[in-house]
């Protein structure tokens, strides 16, 4: 098979969500190109390989492949030529850095890509792809006022050029849904998620990873509206697709497992919640911690689930670990700290560790930013109510 054939088959595999096959075929194409001593083609193939590695969650390898693609595009001059191919590479590399939260480098690459495309007179669809990634970059930084007009502009271009049943149009619907969800406009986000899901199912099939993404996002809208019963089956279906698509340690699995566990917790399915949280935690720990927020959600979720199950001894180490991890997240964590301290206080009380419980009182007051004794009394009242619920359930059984 020629390298062109390998590259073509790799592209088809990527489009159909078969990223592992795409990686293998792109690697074959690279080996074949190197044998024929045609280095001019390596930049494009390395760029495509990087995209496949990125999708499969192999981030270090993806970054290295992107850098090699840049090197081959630059050639002996050491300068990236102002071509559409270079602009596409910069767009994809910039999107990668946005996902990895290297926002400064992402902004630099995406701005350069957009400038190149405009200078080259690229068509609206090509420009819209870079605008999409810039919009997502702004969205990741919670710069909603900058992201919304850009993402809306892209949707308009795609509707005009591609129609309302195109996969790219569905992606834009999905991006706008995420925007509205982050702004807590769930009534706007939900129908956008549903439209994106329907298009993707019709165009890509029921088991494509993009369908899993839409299922996941729709589940988020339901859970945030207190409709865990609707979110749970969507996340179970998304998880099944992702397990068929990705390797066993893919970070997307962690996110879906955490969300599915939270739905089960809300529905009182504690055994299922524990299973899913533990699976998510195991993946994160095996892969060196992964995303710190996902790791913390797994740990804190296990603590809360054991607490709700009245398994106080099991809950205690996870709640303590959650408290220890707070300094690793960047945002203000006063509210979280107060919640975790109250959970730990409850664990101590129900295990008869009254001295340990009382030692937490100054911390709970500090975390809630008040010295009012009412805060402490409120905590005791909550523990009492929790105890009454447990005793009521015990009497019923």
Protein backbone atom coordinates (compact mmCIF):
# COMPACT_ATOMS: atom_id res chain seq x y z
CA UNK A 1 0.00 0.00 0.00
CA UNK A 2 1.31 3.47 -0.91
CA UNK A 3 1.63 6.24 1.66
CA UNK A 4 -1.14 8.12 -0.15
CA UNK A 5 -3.44 5.12 0.33
CA UNK A 6 -2.50 4.84 4.01
CA UNK A 7 -3.15 8.56 4.47
CA UNK A 8 -6.53 8.32 2.74
CA UNK A 9 -7.61 5.35 4.85
CA UNK A 10 -6.37 7.11 7.99
CA UNK A 11 -8.49 10.15 7.12
CA UNK A 12 -11.57 7.95 6.68
CA UNK A 13 -10.89 6.24 10.01
CA UNK A 14 -10.53 9.61 11.76
CA UNK A 15 -13.76 10.93 10.23
CA UNK A 16 -15.62 7.84 11.43
CA UNK A 17 -14.25 8.19 14.96
CA UNK A 18 -11.85 5.24 14.74
CA UNK A 19 -8.91 7.13 16.18
CA UNK A 20 -6.77 4.11 17.09
CA UNK A 21 -6.94 2.90 13.48
CA UNK A 22 -6.19 6.42 12.24
CA UNK A 23 -3.06 6.63 14.40
CA UNK A 24 -1.76 3.31 13.09
CA UNK A 25 -2.42 4.24 9.46
CA UNK A 26 -0.86 7.70 9.74
CA UNK A 27 2.21 6.15 11.36
CA UNK A 28 2.38 3.69 8.45
CA UNK A 29 2.16 6.59 5.99
CA UNK A 30 5.02 8.41 7.75
CA UNK A 31 7.22 5.31 7.62
CA UNK A 32 6.47 4.89 3.92
CA UNK A 33 7.22 8.55 3.16
CA UNK A 34 10.54 8.32 4.99
CA UNK A 35 11.47 5.26 2.92
CA UNK A 36 10.72 7.10 -0.34
CA UNK A 37 12.57 10.21 0.85
CA UNK A 38 9.69 12.61 0.19
CA UNK A 39 9.94 14.89 3.24
CA UNK A 40 7.67 17.56 1.73
CA UNK A 41 4.64 15.40 2.57
CA UNK A 42 5.64 14.78 6.19
CA UNK A 43 4.33 18.08 7.55
CA UNK A 44 0.75 17.35 6.53
CA UNK A 45 0.80 13.74 7.74
CA UNK A 46 2.40 14.61 11.08
CA UNK A 47 -0.28 17.27 11.57
CA UNK A 48 -3.02 14.71 10.91
CA UNK A 49 -1.33 12.20 13.22
CA UNK A 50 -1.21 14.85 15.94
CA UNK A 51 -4.97 15.38 15.62
CA UNK A 52 -5.61 11.65 15.98
CA UNK A 53 -3.33 11.37 19.02
CA UNK A 54 -5.06 14.39 20.54
CA UNK A 55 -8.48 12.78 20.10
CA UNK A 56 -7.20 9.59 21.72
CA UNK A 57 -5.95 11.51 24.76
CA UNK A 58 -2.26 10.87 24.10
CA UNK A 59 -1.36 14.48 24.73
CA UNK A 60 2.44 14.32 25.02
CA UNK A 61 2.70 12.38 21.76
CA UNK A 62 0.24 14.75 20.10
CA UNK A 63 2.27 17.81 21.07
CA UNK A 64 5.45 16.20 19.75
CA UNK A 65 3.73 15.35 16.45
CA UNK A 66 2.44 18.92 16.11
CA UNK A 67 5.96 20.25 16.66
CA UNK A 68 7.35 17.90 14.02
CA UNK A 69 4.66 19.04 11.60
CA UNK A 70 5.72 22.65 12.19
CA UNK A 71 9.38 21.76 11.62
CA UNK A 72 8.67 20.01 8.33
CA UNK A 73 6.45 22.88 7.17
CA UNK A 74 9.22 25.36 7.96
CA UNK A 75 11.85 23.39 6.07
CA UNK A 76 15.35 24.82 5.78
CA UNK A 77 14.13 28.42 6.05
CA UNK A 78 13.11 28.03 9.69
CA UNK A 79 10.04 30.15 8.96
CA UNK A 80 6.50 28.87 8.60
CA UNK A 81 5.35 29.72 5.06
CA UNK A 82 2.16 31.75 4.73
CA UNK A 83 0.04 29.04 3.15
CA UNK A 84 -3.41 27.66 3.84
CA UNK A 85 -1.79 24.41 4.96
CA UNK A 86 0.23 26.32 7.57
CA UNK A 87 -2.89 28.15 8.76
CA UNK A 88 -4.76 24.86 9.20
CA UNK A 89 -1.85 23.42 11.18
CA UNK A 90 -1.70 26.49 13.44
CA UNK A 91 -5.47 26.31 13.96
CA UNK A 92 -5.30 22.69 15.07
CA UNK A 93 -2.22 23.23 17.23
CA UNK A 94 -3.86 26.28 18.80
CA UNK A 95 -6.98 24.24 19.59
CA UNK A 96 -4.77 21.63 21.24
CA UNK A 97 -3.13 24.23 23.47
CA UNK A 98 -6.53 25.69 24.41
CA UNK A 99 -7.65 22.24 25.53
CA UNK A 100 -4.45 21.87 27.57
CA UNK A 101 -5.15 25.32 29.09
CA UNK A 102 -2.03 26.91 27.63
CA UNK A 103 -4.13 29.91 26.68
CA UNK A 104 -1.30 32.28 25.82
CA UNK A 105 0.26 29.94 23.25
CA UNK A 106 -3.17 29.03 21.91
CA UNK A 107 -4.07 32.68 21.37
CA UNK A 108 -0.78 33.33 19.60
CA UNK A 109 -1.23 30.45 17.17
CA UNK A 110 -4.91 31.05 16.47
CA UNK A 111 -4.40 34.77 15.88
CA UNK A 112 -1.59 34.00 13.44
CA UNK A 113 -3.72 31.39 11.67
CA UNK A 114 -6.63 33.80 11.28
CA UNK A 115 -4.35 36.53 9.94
CA UNK A 116 -2.85 34.09 7.42
CA UNK A 117 -6.23 32.97 6.16
CA UNK A 118 -7.46 36.52 5.71
CA UNK A 119 -4.26 37.54 3.89
CA UNK A 120 -4.61 34.53 1.60
CA UNK A 121 -8.23 35.34 0.82
CA UNK A 122 -9.49 32.05 2.25
CA UNK A 123 -13.20 31.32 1.92
CA UNK A 124 -15.66 31.91 4.75
CA UNK A 125 -15.85 28.25 5.75
CA UNK A 126 -12.09 28.00 6.17
CA UNK A 127 -12.02 31.20 8.21
CA UNK A 128 -14.97 29.98 10.29
CA UNK A 129 -12.95 26.96 11.45
CA UNK A 130 -10.33 29.22 13.02
CA UNK A 131 -13.01 31.54 14.41
CA UNK A 132 -14.58 28.49 16.05
CA UNK A 133 -11.37 27.63 17.89
CA UNK A 134 -10.87 31.25 18.96
CA UNK A 135 -14.45 31.28 20.26
CA UNK A 136 -13.82 28.07 22.20
CA UNK A 137 -10.61 29.56 23.60
CA UNK A 138 -12.57 32.57 24.88
CA UNK A 139 -15.23 30.22 26.23
CA UNK A 140 -12.62 28.19 28.12
CA UNK A 141 -11.48 31.45 29.74
CA UNK A 142 -15.09 32.38 30.63
CA UNK A 143 -14.90 35.41 28.33
CA UNK A 144 -18.51 35.02 27.28
CA UNK A 145 -18.96 38.48 25.75
CA UNK A 146 -16.11 37.77 23.33
CA UNK A 147 -17.05 34.14 22.66
CA UNK A 148 -20.77 34.51 21.93
CA UNK A 149 -20.69 36.84 18.89
CA UNK A 150 -17.85 34.82 17.37
CA UNK A 151 -19.60 31.47 17.79
CA UNK A 152 -22.88 32.95 16.56
CA UNK A 153 -21.10 34.33 13.48
CA UNK A 154 -19.72 30.87 12.71
CA UNK A 155 -23.18 29.33 13.05
CA UNK A 156 -24.53 31.86 10.55
CA UNK A 157 -21.76 31.11 8.05
CA UNK A 158 -22.32 27.36 8.31
CA UNK A 159 -26.08 27.67 8.01
CA UNK A 160 -25.67 29.74 4.86
CA UNK A 161 -22.92 27.65 3.26
CA UNK A 162 -23.68 24.11 4.49
CA UNK A 163 -27.28 24.01 5.64
CA UNK A 164 -28.88 23.07 8.94
CA UNK A 165 -28.22 19.34 8.77
CA UNK A 166 -24.43 19.42 8.39
CA UNK A 167 -22.08 17.96 11.00
CA UNK A 168 -20.12 21.21 11.23
CA UNK A 169 -23.39 23.06 11.93
CA UNK A 170 -24.10 20.55 14.72
CA UNK A 171 -20.69 21.28 16.23
CA UNK A 172 -21.49 24.98 16.31
CA UNK A 173 -24.85 24.28 17.96
CA UNK A 174 -22.97 22.25 20.54
CA UNK A 175 -20.49 25.07 21.19
CA UNK A 176 -23.29 27.59 21.70
CA UNK A 177 -25.04 25.14 24.03
CA UNK A 178 -21.89 24.96 26.17
CA UNK A 179 -21.75 28.76 26.20
CA UNK A 180 -25.34 29.12 27.41
CA UNK A 181 -24.85 26.34 29.95
CA UNK A 182 -21.83 28.12 31.41
CA UNK A 183 -23.98 31.26 31.66
CA UNK A 184 -26.64 29.13 33.42
CA UNK A 185 -29.10 29.69 30.57
CA UNK A 186 -30.20 26.05 30.56
CA UNK A 187 -33.48 26.78 28.79
CA UNK A 188 -31.44 28.00 25.80
CA UNK A 189 -28.76 25.31 26.04
CA UNK A 190 -31.06 22.28 26.15
CA UNK A 191 -32.74 22.66 22.72
CA UNK A 192 -29.37 23.39 21.09
CA UNK A 193 -27.98 20.16 22.57
CA UNK A 194 -30.97 18.22 21.29
CA UNK A 195 -30.63 19.62 17.77
CA UNK A 196 -26.90 18.86 17.69
CA UNK A 197 -27.53 15.31 18.92
CA UNK A 198 -30.17 14.64 16.27
CA UNK A 199 -27.94 15.86 13.43
CA UNK A 200 -24.95 13.86 14.63
CA UNK A 201 -27.00 10.69 15.03
CA UNK A 202 -28.43 11.06 11.53
CA UNK A 203 -25.14 11.93 9.85
CA UNK A 204 -22.53 10.00 11.85
CA UNK A 205 -24.43 7.02 13.22
CA UNK A 206 -25.45 6.14 16.75
CA UNK A 207 -22.01 5.04 17.97
CA UNK A 208 -19.79 7.91 16.84
CA UNK A 209 -17.77 9.68 19.58
CA UNK A 210 -19.30 13.01 18.53
CA UNK A 211 -22.70 11.52 19.40
CA UNK A 212 -21.30 10.63 22.83
CA UNK A 213 -20.22 14.25 23.24
CA UNK A 214 -23.75 15.47 22.49
CA UNK A 215 -25.26 12.90 24.85
CA UNK A 216 -22.86 14.03 27.55
CA UNK A 217 -23.65 17.72 27.09
CA UNK A 218 -27.41 17.13 27.09
CA UNK A 219 -27.00 15.14 30.30
CA UNK A 220 -25.22 18.11 31.86
CA UNK A 221 -28.20 20.36 31.07
CA UNK A 222 -30.60 17.90 32.67
CA UNK A 223 -28.52 17.44 35.82
CA UNK A 224 -28.08 21.17 36.33
CA UNK A 225 -31.87 21.49 36.17
CA UNK A 226 -32.27 18.80 38.82
CA UNK A 227 -33.36 16.12 36.35
CA UNK A 228 -30.88 13.39 37.16
CA UNK A 229 -33.35 10.73 36.01
CA UNK A 230 -33.06 12.06 32.46
CA UNK A 231 -29.29 12.58 32.63
CA UNK A 232 -28.38 9.08 33.83
CA UNK A 233 -29.42 7.06 30.72
CA UNK A 234 -27.73 9.59 28.43
CA UNK A 235 -24.42 9.26 30.28
CA UNK A 236 -24.69 5.47 30.37
CA UNK A 237 -25.09 5.48 26.60
CA UNK A 238 -22.24 7.99 26.17
CA UNK A 239 -19.99 5.82 28.34
CA UNK A 240 -20.73 2.74 26.22
CA UNK A 241 -19.74 4.61 23.05
CA UNK A 242 -16.57 5.99 24.62
CA UNK A 243 -15.52 2.59 25.93
CA UNK A 244 -15.74 1.28 22.37
CA UNK A 245 -13.84 4.26 20.94
CA UNK A 246 -11.10 5.17 23.39
CA UNK A 247 -8.40 3.36 25.32
CA UNK A 248 -9.19 2.39 28.91
CA UNK A 249 -7.33 5.38 30.40
CA UNK A 250 -8.77 8.15 28.21
CA UNK A 251 -9.55 11.38 30.14
CA UNK A 252 -13.00 11.64 28.53
CA UNK A 253 -13.96 8.47 30.38
CA UNK A 254 -13.11 10.14 33.69
CA UNK A 255 -15.41 13.07 32.96
CA UNK A 256 -18.31 10.85 31.90
CA UNK A 257 -17.83 8.45 34.82
CA UNK A 258 -17.84 11.36 37.29
CA UNK A 259 -21.03 12.80 35.81
CA UNK A 260 -22.73 9.41 35.71
CA UNK A 261 -21.74 8.82 39.32
CA UNK A 262 -23.17 12.20 40.34
CA UNK A 263 -26.49 11.33 38.67
CA UNK A 264 -26.58 7.98 40.48
CA UNK A 265 -25.80 9.75 43.76
CA UNK A 266 -28.69 12.17 43.20
CA UNK A 267 -31.00 9.21 42.49
CA UNK A 268 -29.91 7.33 45.60
CA UNK A 269 -28.12 4.60 43.62
CA UNK A 270 -25.16 4.62 45.97
CA UNK A 271 -23.54 1.34 44.90
CA UNK A 272 -23.50 2.46 41.26
CA UNK A 273 -22.17 5.88 42.23
CA UNK A 274 -19.31 4.33 44.22
CA UNK A 275 -18.44 2.01 41.33
CA UNK A 276 -18.29 4.85 38.79
CA UNK A 277 -16.41 7.27 41.06
CA UNK A 278 -13.84 4.54 41.83
CA UNK A 279 -13.36 3.77 38.15
CA UNK A 280 -12.81 7.46 37.42
CA UNK A 281 -10.37 7.80 40.32
CA UNK A 282 -8.47 4.70 39.23
CA UNK A 283 -7.98 6.09 35.70
CA UNK A 284 -6.81 9.46 37.04
CA UNK A 285 -4.33 7.87 39.44
CA UNK A 286 -2.98 5.44 36.84
CA UNK A 287 -2.36 8.29 34.41
CA UNK A 288 -0.54 10.53 36.84
CA UNK A 289 -3.45 12.50 38.23
CA UNK A 290 -4.94 13.83 35.00
CA UNK A 291 -7.11 16.91 35.28
CA UNK A 292 -7.02 18.12 38.89
CA UNK A 293 -10.68 19.13 38.89
CA UNK A 294 -11.77 15.71 37.63
CA UNK A 295 -9.57 14.02 40.24
CA UNK A 296 -11.04 16.14 43.02
CA UNK A 297 -14.59 15.45 41.80
CA UNK A 298 -13.92 11.70 42.03
CA UNK A 299 -12.45 11.93 45.52
CA UNK A 300 -15.09 14.33 46.85
CA UNK A 301 -17.84 12.30 45.19
CA UNK A 302 -16.73 9.14 46.95
CA UNK A 303 -16.68 10.97 50.27
CA UNK A 304 -20.20 12.32 49.75
CA UNK A 305 -21.56 8.98 48.52
CA UNK A 306 -20.20 7.06 51.51
CA UNK A 307 -21.54 9.80 53.79
CA UNK A 308 -25.00 9.58 52.22
CA UNK A 309 -24.79 5.79 52.61
CA UNK A 310 -24.07 6.24 56.34
CA UNK A 311 -20.66 4.59 55.86
CA UNK A 312 -18.82 7.18 57.90
CA UNK A 313 -15.57 5.29 58.37
CA UNK A 314 -15.24 4.84 54.59
CA UNK A 315 -16.19 8.46 53.92
CA UNK A 316 -13.63 10.02 56.27
CA UNK A 317 -10.39 9.43 54.28
CA UNK A 318 -11.93 10.70 51.04
CA UNK A 319 -13.27 13.86 52.69
CA UNK A 320 -9.87 14.51 54.29
CA UNK A 321 -8.19 14.01 50.93
CA UNK A 322 -10.64 16.46 49.34
CA UNK A 323 -9.63 19.08 51.89
CA UNK A 324 -5.94 18.42 51.24
CA UNK A 325 -6.49 18.87 47.50
CA UNK A 326 -8.21 22.25 47.71
CA UNK A 327 -4.99 24.22 47.32
CA UNK A 328 -4.39 22.48 43.97
CA UNK A 329 -7.40 24.13 42.33
CA UNK A 330 -7.04 27.72 41.26
CA UNK A 331 -10.44 29.24 41.99
CA UNK A 332 -11.61 30.57 45.34
CA UNK A 333 -12.44 27.44 47.32
CA UNK A 334 -13.99 28.87 50.49
CA UNK A 335 -17.43 27.40 49.76
CA UNK A 336 -15.99 23.96 48.99
CA UNK A 337 -13.85 24.04 52.11
CA UNK A 338 -16.84 24.86 54.29
CA UNK A 339 -18.81 21.99 52.74
CA UNK A 340 -16.02 19.45 53.17
CA UNK A 341 -15.42 20.51 56.78
CA UNK A 342 -19.10 20.04 57.55
CA UNK A 343 -18.97 16.58 55.96
CA UNK A 344 -15.92 15.67 58.04
CA UNK A 345 -17.63 17.05 61.15
CA UNK A 346 -20.59 14.74 60.44
CA UNK A 347 -18.28 11.74 59.99
CA UNK A 348 -16.60 12.40 63.31
CA UNK A 349 -19.90 12.81 65.19
CA UNK A 350 -21.34 9.54 63.92
CA UNK A 351 -18.13 7.67 64.72
CA UNK A 352 -18.12 9.04 68.26
CA UNK A 353 -15.01 11.16 67.62
CA UNK A 354 -16.42 14.15 69.46
CA UNK A 355 -13.06 15.70 70.28
CA UNK A 356 -12.08 15.62 66.61
CA UNK A 357 -15.46 17.09 65.68
CA UNK A 358 -15.16 19.99 68.11
CA UNK A 359 -11.63 20.71 66.91
CA UNK A 360 -13.11 21.46 63.48
CA UNK A 361 -15.46 24.17 64.74
CA UNK A 362 -12.95 27.05 64.33
CA UNK A 363 -12.14 25.79 60.83
CA UNK A 364 -15.79 25.64 59.78
CA UNK A 365 -16.28 29.17 61.04
CA UNK A 366 -13.17 30.37 59.19
CA UNK A 367 -14.21 28.67 55.98
CA UNK A 368 -17.62 30.31 56.08
CA UNK A 369 -15.95 33.68 56.69
CA UNK A 370 -17.85 34.39 59.91
CA UNK A 371 -17.34 34.13 63.68
CA UNK A 372 -21.06 33.78 64.39
CA UNK A 373 -21.88 30.96 66.78
CA UNK A 374 -25.03 30.43 64.70
CA UNK A 375 -22.85 28.80 62.04
CA UNK A 376 -21.79 26.11 64.48
CA UNK A 377 -25.35 25.63 65.72
CA UNK A 378 -26.55 25.32 62.15
CA UNK A 379 -24.04 22.53 61.55
CA UNK A 380 -25.26 20.64 64.62
CA UNK A 381 -28.86 21.05 63.44
CA UNK A 382 -27.98 19.66 60.00
CA UNK A 383 -26.25 16.67 61.57
CA UNK A 384 -29.28 16.08 63.77
CA UNK A 385 -31.64 16.15 60.80
CA UNK A 386 -29.35 13.78 58.92
CA UNK A 387 -29.37 11.41 61.89
CA UNK A 388 -33.17 11.50 62.10
CA UNK A 389 -33.42 10.54 58.43
CA UNK A 390 -31.10 7.59 58.98
CA UNK A 391 -33.03 6.43 62.04
CA UNK A 392 -36.34 6.78 60.18
CA UNK A 393 -34.99 4.58 57.36
CA UNK A 394 -33.75 2.08 59.93
CA UNK A 395 -37.20 1.89 61.55
CA UNK A 396 -38.84 1.36 58.15
CA UNK A 397 -36.60 -1.61 57.40
